[in-house]
Amino acid sequence: MTFYDSYGNPVAYTEDDESIYLFKGNPVAYFYENKVYGYNGHHFGWYENGWVRDKNGRCVFFTENATGSGPIKPVKKITPIKNVKRVRPVKNVKHVASVRPVNALSWSPLSGKQFFEQ
C-alpha cells in the first residue's frame, strides 16, 4: 500500500500493514490499532479508510483505496523503485495519543517529511 501526499507524490509504503517505510528504505513509523506512531514513541496521527490524518484531523496522505470524507485527491505520480529496507529500530514506549479531533475535509500543512519528524 502506497501513501501519497497532497500533490500525488508517493512518499511512503507498507507491505505488512504495520511498518511504514520511505522509498529509500528507511523505517519511519508503524501502526498501532488505528494510530500512527514513530519509533521514537511519538504519536503522529491516525489512519482510517485509506487516509492518514495529522493530530488536527487534516489529511496528510491518502492511499489508492481511500474512501469517505477528505479533500479532493490529486492525480497520483509514478511510484519510485523501493530500496532495500533497513532494519527497523526498537519501538520506544508509546506516548499517550492526543484526543482524536473531528475529521477535516482539508489537507494538512505538514509535508510528508514533517509528518514523520514530529
Protein backbone atom coordinates (compact mmCIF):
# COMPACT_ATOMS: atom_id res chain seq x y z
CA MET A 1 0.00 0.00 0.00
CA THR A 2 1.45 3.35 -1.05
CA PHE A 3 0.88 6.65 0.76
CA TYR A 4 0.55 9.72 -1.48
CA ASP A 5 0.77 13.35 -0.36
CA SER A 6 -1.46 16.28 -1.29
CA TYR A 7 0.40 16.66 -4.62
CA GLY A 8 0.06 12.99 -5.58
CA ASN A 9 3.70 12.22 -4.76
CA PRO A 10 4.31 8.72 -3.41
CA VAL A 11 6.04 9.29 -0.06
CA ALA A 12 5.92 6.02 1.85
CA TYR A 13 4.56 2.50 1.78
CA THR A 14 3.72 -0.53 3.88
CA GLU A 15 3.88 -4.15 2.83
CA ASP A 16 2.73 -5.70 6.09
CA ASP A 17 0.08 -3.20 7.26
CA GLU A 18 2.28 -2.50 10.29
CA SER A 19 5.57 -0.80 9.39
CA ILE A 20 5.80 2.32 7.21
CA TYR A 21 8.90 2.85 5.08
CA LEU A 22 10.14 5.65 2.86
CA PHE A 23 11.11 4.52 -0.63
CA LYS A 24 14.79 4.93 0.32
CA GLY A 25 14.27 2.02 2.72
CA ASN A 26 14.11 3.98 5.98
CA PRO A 27 11.52 2.76 8.51
CA VAL A 28 9.73 5.88 9.76
CA ALA A 29 6.56 4.83 11.58
CA TYR A 30 4.21 2.00 12.43
CA PHE A 31 0.52 1.41 13.01
CA TYR A 32 -0.86 0.57 16.41
CA GLU A 33 -4.60 0.00 16.24
CA ASN A 34 -5.75 2.97 14.14
CA LYS A 35 -2.91 5.26 15.26
CA VAL A 36 0.40 6.12 13.57
CA TYR A 37 3.48 6.18 15.84
CA GLY A 38 7.12 6.94 15.23
CA TYR A 39 9.71 4.51 16.51
CA ASN A 40 10.62 7.26 18.99
CA GLY A 41 7.21 6.68 20.62
CA HIS A 42 5.62 9.93 19.38
CA HIS A 43 2.04 9.81 18.21
CA PHE A 44 1.89 11.25 14.67
CA GLY A 45 -1.78 10.86 13.79
CA TRP A 46 -4.45 8.38 12.72
CA TYR A 47 -5.13 6.01 9.85
CA GLU A 48 -8.67 5.28 8.75
CA ASN A 49 -10.37 4.40 5.46
CA GLY A 50 -7.16 4.88 3.49
CA TRP A 51 -6.44 8.36 4.90
CA VAL A 52 -3.57 9.28 7.23
CA ARG A 53 -4.53 12.32 9.27
CA ASP A 54 -2.46 14.61 11.46
CA LYS A 55 -3.26 15.40 15.09
CA ASN A 56 -5.67 18.12 13.93
CA GLY A 57 -7.72 15.71 11.79
CA ARG A 58 -6.38 17.07 8.48
CA CYS A 59 -5.25 14.69 5.74
CA VAL A 60 -1.52 14.17 5.22
CA PHE A 61 -1.62 11.08 2.97
CA PHE A 62 -4.10 9.03 1.01
CA THR A 63 -3.93 5.53 -0.41
CA GLU A 64 -5.36 4.25 -3.65
CA ASN A 65 -8.33 2.85 -1.75
CA ALA A 66 -9.10 5.94 0.36
CA THR A 67 -12.82 6.37 0.92
CA GLY A 68 -15.08 8.59 2.95
CA SER A 69 -14.66 12.25 3.76
CA GLY A 70 -11.49 14.02 2.76
CA PRO A 71 -10.15 16.60 0.34
CA ILE A 72 -10.06 16.09 -3.41
CA LYS A 73 -7.31 13.61 -4.25
CA PRO A 74 -4.72 14.74 -6.79
CA VAL A 75 -3.54 12.64 -9.72
CA LYS A 76 -1.05 10.05 -8.44
CA LYS A 77 2.50 10.29 -9.72
CA ILE A 78 4.66 7.28 -10.68
CA THR A 79 5.84 5.19 -7.73
CA PRO A 80 9.63 5.01 -7.42
CA ILE A 81 11.59 1.80 -7.05
CA LYS A 82 11.87 0.67 -3.43
CA ASN A 83 15.38 0.49 -2.00
CA VAL A 84 16.36 -2.33 0.32
CA LYS A 85 14.56 -1.96 3.65
CA ARG A 86 16.73 -1.01 6.60
CA VAL A 87 16.36 -2.76 9.93
CA ARG A 88 13.51 -1.37 11.99
CA PRO A 89 14.61 0.31 15.22
CA VAL A 90 13.31 -0.84 18.58
CA LYS A 91 9.96 0.76 19.36
CA ASN A 92 10.16 3.21 22.27
CA VAL A 93 7.36 3.44 24.79
CA LYS A 94 4.35 4.98 23.07
CA HIS A 95 3.36 8.48 24.18
CA VAL A 96 -0.27 8.95 25.04
CA ALA A 97 -2.23 9.78 21.91
CA SER A 98 -3.97 13.13 21.81
CA VAL A 99 -7.74 13.27 21.73
CA ARG A 100 -8.90 12.46 18.24
CA PRO A 101 -10.35 15.53 16.50
CA VAL A 102 -13.18 15.60 14.01
CA ASN A 103 -12.01 14.60 10.54
CA ALA A 104 -11.35 17.67 8.41
CA LEU A 105 -12.01 17.96 4.69
CA SER A 106 -8.71 19.78 4.11
CA TRP A 107 -5.08 18.90 3.55
CA SER A 108 -2.61 19.26 6.40
CA PRO A 109 0.07 21.96 6.07
CA LEU A 110 2.59 19.27 7.10
CA SER A 111 4.69 17.77 4.34
CA GLY A 112 5.31 14.03 4.38
CA LYS A 113 8.77 14.65 5.82
CA GLN A 114 7.42 16.96 8.53
CA PHE A 115 4.73 14.44 9.49
CA PHE A 116 7.33 11.76 10.17
CA GLU A 117 9.61 14.16 12.09
CA GLN A 118 7.15 15.19 14.79
